[in-house]
Amino acid sequence: MLCVERLEALGHRIKWQVPDGSHKSDFVWLTGDNQDWEIKSPVGLGGLSAKRQYKKIAGRISDDARWKKNFIIDIGDEPLSGQLLRQLESYNIWHRNSPDRQIRQLVVMSKGQLTRVTLR
């Protein structure tokens, strides 16, 4: 099941952005904050340490953070460990020398549940 289908199964409504060059993100989260959001679904996280999972996720975010500021990271059926959550909370701190790579909002979807990351 895709991230969007899991969001809809949780009762969320979204509006896809048509990839015509005029939109910066994947969708507008209608039942969230009515803002543009980008979905990232990094593959191959299973079996990696939390540090390596973070590096893979942060790389995916950082690639687009200059233009996109709200991200949902779909880690599928992988558990969201406390260690990974703490590292994700520090994403903006670790990018403090590159303000254009900082983000406003980060949500992780794990095992069909949403966890809002409190960015520091």
N, C-alpha and C. Protein backbone atom coordinates (compact mmCIF):
# COMPACT_ATOMS: atom_id res chain seq x y z
N MET A 1 0.85 -1.18 0.00
CA MET A 1 0.00 0.00 0.00
C MET A 1 0.90 1.24 0.00
N LEU A 2 0.55 2.20 -0.81
CA LEU A 2 1.31 3.43 -0.91
C LEU A 2 1.03 4.36 0.26
N CYS A 3 1.94 5.27 0.51
CA CYS A 3 1.81 6.24 1.60
C CYS A 3 0.48 6.99 1.51
N VAL A 4 0.12 7.42 0.32
CA VAL A 4 -1.11 8.18 0.15
C VAL A 4 -2.32 7.32 0.52
N GLU A 5 -2.31 6.06 0.12
CA GLU A 5 -3.42 5.18 0.48
C GLU A 5 -3.49 4.98 1.98
N ARG A 6 -2.35 4.89 2.65
CA ARG A 6 -2.35 4.75 4.10
C ARG A 6 -2.85 6.04 4.77
N LEU A 7 -2.47 7.19 4.22
CA LEU A 7 -2.98 8.47 4.75
C LEU A 7 -4.50 8.51 4.63
N GLU A 8 -5.00 8.13 3.47
CA GLU A 8 -6.45 8.15 3.26
C GLU A 8 -7.15 7.14 4.16
N ALA A 9 -6.53 5.99 4.41
CA ALA A 9 -7.11 4.99 5.31
C ALA A 9 -7.20 5.51 6.74
N LEU A 10 -6.33 6.45 7.09
CA LEU A 10 -6.38 7.08 8.42
C LEU A 10 -7.38 8.23 8.46
N GLY A 11 -8.06 8.49 7.35
CA GLY A 11 -9.07 9.54 7.31
C GLY A 11 -8.58 10.88 6.79
N HIS A 12 -7.35 10.93 6.30
CA HIS A 12 -6.82 12.19 5.78
C HIS A 12 -7.21 12.35 4.31
N ARG A 13 -7.39 13.60 3.93
CA ARG A 13 -7.69 13.92 2.54
C ARG A 13 -6.54 14.75 1.99
N ILE A 14 -6.19 14.43 0.74
CA ILE A 14 -5.11 15.16 0.07
C ILE A 14 -5.57 15.56 -1.33
N LYS A 15 -4.88 16.50 -1.88
CA LYS A 15 -5.10 16.91 -3.28
C LYS A 15 -3.75 16.83 -3.97
N TRP A 16 -3.63 15.90 -4.92
CA TRP A 16 -2.39 15.74 -5.66
C TRP A 16 -2.09 16.99 -6.46
N GLN A 17 -0.82 17.34 -6.53
CA GLN A 17 -0.35 18.41 -7.39
C GLN A 17 0.05 17.79 -8.72
N VAL A 18 -0.41 18.35 -9.79
CA VAL A 18 -0.05 17.86 -11.12
C VAL A 18 1.39 18.27 -11.40
N PRO A 19 2.26 17.31 -11.77
CA PRO A 19 3.68 17.66 -12.00
C PRO A 19 3.86 18.42 -13.32
N ASP A 20 3.43 19.68 -13.33
CA ASP A 20 3.52 20.48 -14.55
C ASP A 20 4.55 21.61 -14.43
N GLY A 21 5.33 21.57 -13.36
CA GLY A 21 6.34 22.60 -13.16
C GLY A 21 5.87 23.79 -12.35
N SER A 22 4.55 23.92 -12.13
CA SER A 22 4.05 25.06 -11.38
C SER A 22 3.93 24.76 -9.89
N HIS A 23 4.05 23.51 -9.49
CA HIS A 23 3.94 23.13 -8.08
C HIS A 23 5.27 22.61 -7.58
N LYS A 24 5.54 22.90 -6.32
CA LYS A 24 6.81 22.51 -5.75
C LYS A 24 6.74 21.17 -5.02
N SER A 25 5.57 20.74 -4.61
CA SER A 25 5.47 19.54 -3.79
C SER A 25 4.47 18.56 -4.37
N ASP A 26 4.42 17.36 -3.75
CA ASP A 26 3.57 16.28 -4.25
C ASP A 26 2.08 16.54 -4.06
N PHE A 27 1.70 17.07 -2.89
CA PHE A 27 0.27 17.21 -2.61
C PHE A 27 0.01 18.31 -1.59
N VAL A 28 -1.27 18.71 -1.53
CA VAL A 28 -1.75 19.60 -0.48
C VAL A 28 -2.47 18.72 0.53
N TRP A 29 -2.11 18.85 1.79
CA TRP A 29 -2.71 18.04 2.86
C TRP A 29 -3.95 18.77 3.36
N LEU A 30 -5.09 18.43 2.77
CA LEU A 30 -6.34 19.14 3.04
C LEU A 30 -6.80 19.00 4.48
N THR A 31 -6.68 17.80 5.07
CA THR A 31 -7.12 17.61 6.44
C THR A 31 -6.00 17.84 7.45
N GLY A 32 -4.86 18.22 6.96
CA GLY A 32 -3.73 18.54 7.84
C GLY A 32 -3.69 20.04 8.05
N ASP A 33 -2.84 20.70 7.31
CA ASP A 33 -2.67 22.15 7.47
C ASP A 33 -2.95 22.91 6.18
N ASN A 34 -3.43 22.19 5.15
CA ASN A 34 -3.76 22.80 3.86
C ASN A 34 -2.52 23.41 3.19
N GLN A 35 -1.34 22.85 3.48
CA GLN A 35 -0.11 23.31 2.88
C GLN A 35 0.44 22.23 1.95
N ASP A 36 1.44 22.63 1.15
CA ASP A 36 2.12 21.69 0.26
C ASP A 36 3.02 20.76 1.06
N TRP A 37 2.98 19.47 0.70
CA TRP A 37 3.81 18.45 1.35
C TRP A 37 4.48 17.58 0.30
N GLU A 38 5.64 17.10 0.65
CA GLU A 38 6.42 16.21 -0.21
C GLU A 38 6.53 14.86 0.49
N ILE A 39 6.35 13.78 -0.27
CA ILE A 39 6.50 12.43 0.27
C ILE A 39 7.86 11.89 -0.15
N LYS A 40 8.57 11.32 0.81
CA LYS A 40 9.82 10.62 0.53
C LYS A 40 9.67 9.21 1.10
N SER A 41 9.98 8.23 0.29
CA SER A 41 9.89 6.82 0.72
C SER A 41 11.24 6.14 0.49
N PRO A 42 12.18 6.37 1.40
CA PRO A 42 13.49 5.75 1.23
C PRO A 42 13.39 4.23 1.36
N VAL A 43 14.01 3.52 0.46
CA VAL A 43 13.97 2.06 0.49
C VAL A 43 15.24 1.52 1.13
N GLY A 44 15.15 0.30 1.61
CA GLY A 44 16.33 -0.37 2.14
C GLY A 44 16.74 0.07 3.53
N LEU A 45 15.78 0.50 4.35
CA LEU A 45 16.13 0.93 5.71
C LEU A 45 16.25 -0.25 6.67
N GLY A 46 15.58 -1.37 6.33
CA GLY A 46 15.60 -2.54 7.21
C GLY A 46 17.00 -3.06 7.44
N GLY A 47 17.33 -3.33 8.69
CA GLY A 47 18.64 -3.86 9.01
C GLY A 47 19.72 -2.81 9.20
N LEU A 48 19.43 -1.56 8.87
CA LEU A 48 20.41 -0.49 9.06
C LEU A 48 20.33 0.04 10.48
N SER A 49 21.45 0.53 10.98
CA SER A 49 21.44 1.19 12.29
C SER A 49 20.63 2.48 12.17
N ALA A 50 20.19 3.01 13.30
CA ALA A 50 19.43 4.27 13.29
C ALA A 50 20.25 5.39 12.66
N LYS A 51 21.55 5.39 12.90
CA LYS A 51 22.41 6.43 12.32
C LYS A 51 22.42 6.36 10.80
N ARG A 52 22.52 5.16 10.26
CA ARG A 52 22.53 4.99 8.79
C ARG A 52 21.14 5.28 8.22
N GLN A 53 20.09 4.90 8.95
CA GLN A 53 18.73 5.23 8.50
C GLN A 53 18.58 6.74 8.42
N TYR A 54 19.06 7.44 9.46
CA TYR A 54 18.97 8.90 9.46
C TYR A 54 19.70 9.49 8.26
N LYS A 55 20.91 9.02 8.01
CA LYS A 55 21.69 9.57 6.89
C LYS A 55 20.96 9.40 5.57
N LYS A 56 20.35 8.25 5.40
CA LYS A 56 19.61 7.99 4.15
C LYS A 56 18.39 8.92 4.05
N ILE A 57 17.65 9.06 5.13
CA ILE A 57 16.47 9.93 5.15
C ILE A 57 16.88 11.38 4.98
N ALA A 58 17.89 11.82 5.74
CA ALA A 58 18.33 13.22 5.68
C ALA A 58 18.81 13.58 4.28
N GLY A 59 19.46 12.64 3.62
CA GLY A 59 19.90 12.89 2.25
C GLY A 59 18.74 13.12 1.31
N ARG A 60 17.68 12.33 1.48
CA ARG A 60 16.50 12.50 0.63
C ARG A 60 15.82 13.85 0.89
N ILE A 61 15.77 14.26 2.15
CA ILE A 61 15.17 15.56 2.48
C ILE A 61 16.05 16.69 1.95
N SER A 62 17.33 16.61 2.24
CA SER A 62 18.26 17.67 1.88
C SER A 62 18.29 17.95 0.38
N ASP A 63 18.10 16.90 -0.42
CA ASP A 63 18.10 17.07 -1.88
C ASP A 63 17.03 18.07 -2.33
N ASP A 64 15.89 18.11 -1.65
CA ASP A 64 14.77 18.95 -2.07
C ASP A 64 14.46 20.11 -1.12
N ALA A 65 15.16 20.21 0.00
CA ALA A 65 14.80 21.18 1.03
C ALA A 65 14.92 22.64 0.58
N ARG A 66 15.66 22.90 -0.47
CA ARG A 66 15.74 24.29 -0.95
C ARG A 66 14.41 24.78 -1.49
N TRP A 67 13.60 23.86 -2.01
CA TRP A 67 12.34 24.23 -2.65
C TRP A 67 11.12 23.73 -1.90
N LYS A 68 11.30 22.73 -1.06
CA LYS A 68 10.18 22.09 -0.37
C LYS A 68 10.46 22.13 1.13
N LYS A 69 9.44 22.42 1.91
CA LYS A 69 9.69 22.64 3.35
C LYS A 69 8.91 21.72 4.27
N ASN A 70 7.94 20.97 3.75
CA ASN A 70 7.14 20.07 4.56
C ASN A 70 7.27 18.66 3.99
N PHE A 71 7.70 17.72 4.83
CA PHE A 71 7.98 16.37 4.35
C PHE A 71 7.28 15.31 5.17
N ILE A 72 6.76 14.30 4.47
CA ILE A 72 6.32 13.06 5.09
C ILE A 72 7.33 12.01 4.65
N ILE A 73 7.93 11.35 5.62
CA ILE A 73 8.87 10.27 5.33
C ILE A 73 8.13 8.96 5.60
N ASP A 74 7.95 8.17 4.57
CA ASP A 74 7.25 6.90 4.68
C ASP A 74 8.29 5.80 4.82
N ILE A 75 8.38 5.21 6.03
CA ILE A 75 9.35 4.14 6.23
C ILE A 75 8.66 2.78 6.23
N GLY A 76 7.43 2.75 5.73
CA GLY A 76 6.72 1.50 5.53
C GLY A 76 6.45 0.77 6.84
N ASP A 77 6.84 -0.51 6.87
CA ASP A 77 6.61 -1.33 8.06
C ASP A 77 7.79 -1.35 9.01
N GLU A 78 8.78 -0.51 8.73
CA GLU A 78 9.92 -0.41 9.65
C GLU A 78 9.47 0.34 10.91
N PRO A 79 9.93 -0.08 12.07
CA PRO A 79 9.58 0.66 13.29
C PRO A 79 10.34 1.98 13.35
N LEU A 80 9.71 2.98 13.94
CA LEU A 80 10.37 4.26 14.18
C LEU A 80 10.99 4.18 15.58
N SER A 81 12.29 3.97 15.62
CA SER A 81 12.96 3.84 16.91
C SER A 81 13.10 5.20 17.57
N GLY A 82 13.23 5.17 18.88
CA GLY A 82 13.46 6.41 19.63
C GLY A 82 14.73 7.11 19.19
N GLN A 83 15.74 6.32 18.87
CA GLN A 83 17.02 6.90 18.44
C GLN A 83 16.87 7.61 17.10
N LEU A 84 16.16 7.00 16.15
CA LEU A 84 15.94 7.64 14.86
C LEU A 84 15.09 8.90 15.03
N LEU A 85 14.08 8.83 15.86
CA LEU A 85 13.23 10.00 16.10
C LEU A 85 14.06 11.15 16.67
N ARG A 86 14.92 10.89 17.63
CA ARG A 86 15.77 11.95 18.20
C ARG A 86 16.70 12.55 17.14
N GLN A 87 17.23 11.72 16.28
CA GLN A 87 18.10 12.24 15.22
C GLN A 87 17.32 13.11 14.25
N LEU A 88 16.11 12.68 13.89
CA LEU A 88 15.28 13.47 12.99
C LEU A 88 14.90 14.81 13.62
N GLU A 89 14.68 14.83 14.92
CA GLU A 89 14.36 16.08 15.62
C GLU A 89 15.49 17.10 15.46
N SER A 90 16.71 16.62 15.29
CA SER A 90 17.89 17.49 15.17
C SER A 90 18.24 17.85 13.73
N TYR A 91 17.40 17.48 12.77
CA TYR A 91 17.71 17.72 11.36
C TYR A 91 18.11 19.19 11.13
N ASN A 92 17.28 20.14 11.59
CA ASN A 92 17.58 21.55 11.34
C ASN A 92 18.84 22.02 12.08
N ILE A 93 19.09 21.46 13.24
CA ILE A 93 20.32 21.81 13.98
C ILE A 93 21.53 21.40 13.16
N TRP A 94 21.48 20.20 12.61
CA TRP A 94 22.62 19.69 11.84
C TRP A 94 22.79 20.42 10.50
N HIS A 95 21.78 21.17 10.11
CA HIS A 95 21.86 21.96 8.87
C HIS A 95 21.83 23.47 9.17
N ARG A 96 22.23 23.83 10.37
CA ARG A 96 22.16 25.25 10.75
C ARG A 96 23.09 26.12 9.91
N ASN A 97 24.15 25.56 9.36
CA ASN A 97 25.06 26.34 8.52
C ASN A 97 24.58 26.43 7.08
N SER A 98 23.48 25.76 6.77
CA SER A 98 22.86 25.81 5.44
C SER A 98 21.37 26.07 5.61
N PRO A 99 21.00 27.31 5.94
CA PRO A 99 19.60 27.61 6.23
C PRO A 99 18.64 27.25 5.09
N ASP A 100 19.13 27.25 3.85
CA ASP A 100 18.26 26.90 2.74
C ASP A 100 17.90 25.41 2.74
N ARG A 101 18.60 24.62 3.53
CA ARG A 101 18.31 23.19 3.63
C ARG A 101 17.46 22.85 4.85
N GLN A 102 17.12 23.86 5.65
CA GLN A 102 16.26 23.61 6.80
C GLN A 102 14.81 23.47 6.34
N ILE A 103 14.02 22.78 7.16
CA ILE A 103 12.63 22.51 6.80
C ILE A 103 11.70 23.01 7.91
N ARG A 104 10.40 23.13 7.59
CA ARG A 104 9.43 23.60 8.56
C ARG A 104 8.75 22.46 9.32
N GLN A 105 8.37 21.40 8.58
CA GLN A 105 7.61 20.33 9.20
C GLN A 105 8.10 18.97 8.69
N LEU A 106 8.05 18.00 9.60
CA LEU A 106 8.46 16.64 9.28
C LEU A 106 7.54 15.66 9.99
N VAL A 107 6.99 14.74 9.22
CA VAL A 107 6.11 13.69 9.75
C VAL A 107 6.66 12.37 9.26
N VAL A 108 6.67 11.37 10.13
CA VAL A 108 7.10 10.03 9.74
C VAL A 108 5.90 9.10 9.76
N MET A 109 5.72 8.35 8.67
CA MET A 109 4.71 7.31 8.64
C MET A 109 5.42 5.98 8.80
N SER A 110 5.05 5.27 9.86
CA SER A 110 5.65 3.97 10.18
C SER A 110 4.54 3.03 10.62
N LYS A 111 4.46 1.89 9.96
CA LYS A 111 3.45 0.89 10.31
C LYS A 111 2.04 1.47 10.31
N GLY A 112 1.77 2.36 9.35
CA GLY A 112 0.45 2.94 9.20
C GLY A 112 0.09 4.01 10.21
N GLN A 113 1.07 4.47 10.98
CA GLN A 113 0.84 5.52 11.98
C GLN A 113 1.68 6.75 11.65
N LEU A 114 1.14 7.91 11.97
CA LEU A 114 1.86 9.16 11.74
C LEU A 114 2.48 9.66 13.03
N THR A 115 3.74 10.08 12.95
CA THR A 115 4.42 10.70 14.08
C THR A 115 4.96 12.03 13.62
N ARG A 116 4.48 13.09 14.25
CA ARG A 116 4.98 14.43 13.93
C ARG A 116 6.30 14.63 14.68
N VAL A 117 7.32 14.99 13.94
CA VAL A 117 8.65 15.20 14.51
C VAL A 117 8.75 16.65 14.97
N THR A 118 9.14 16.84 16.21
CA THR A 118 9.34 18.19 16.75
C THR A 118 10.76 18.63 16.38
N LEU A 119 10.84 19.45 15.37
CA LEU A 119 12.15 19.93 14.89
C LEU A 119 12.71 20.96 15.86
N ARG A 120 14.00 20.85 16.12
CA ARG A 120 14.67 21.82 17.02
C ARG A 120 15.51 22.77 16.22
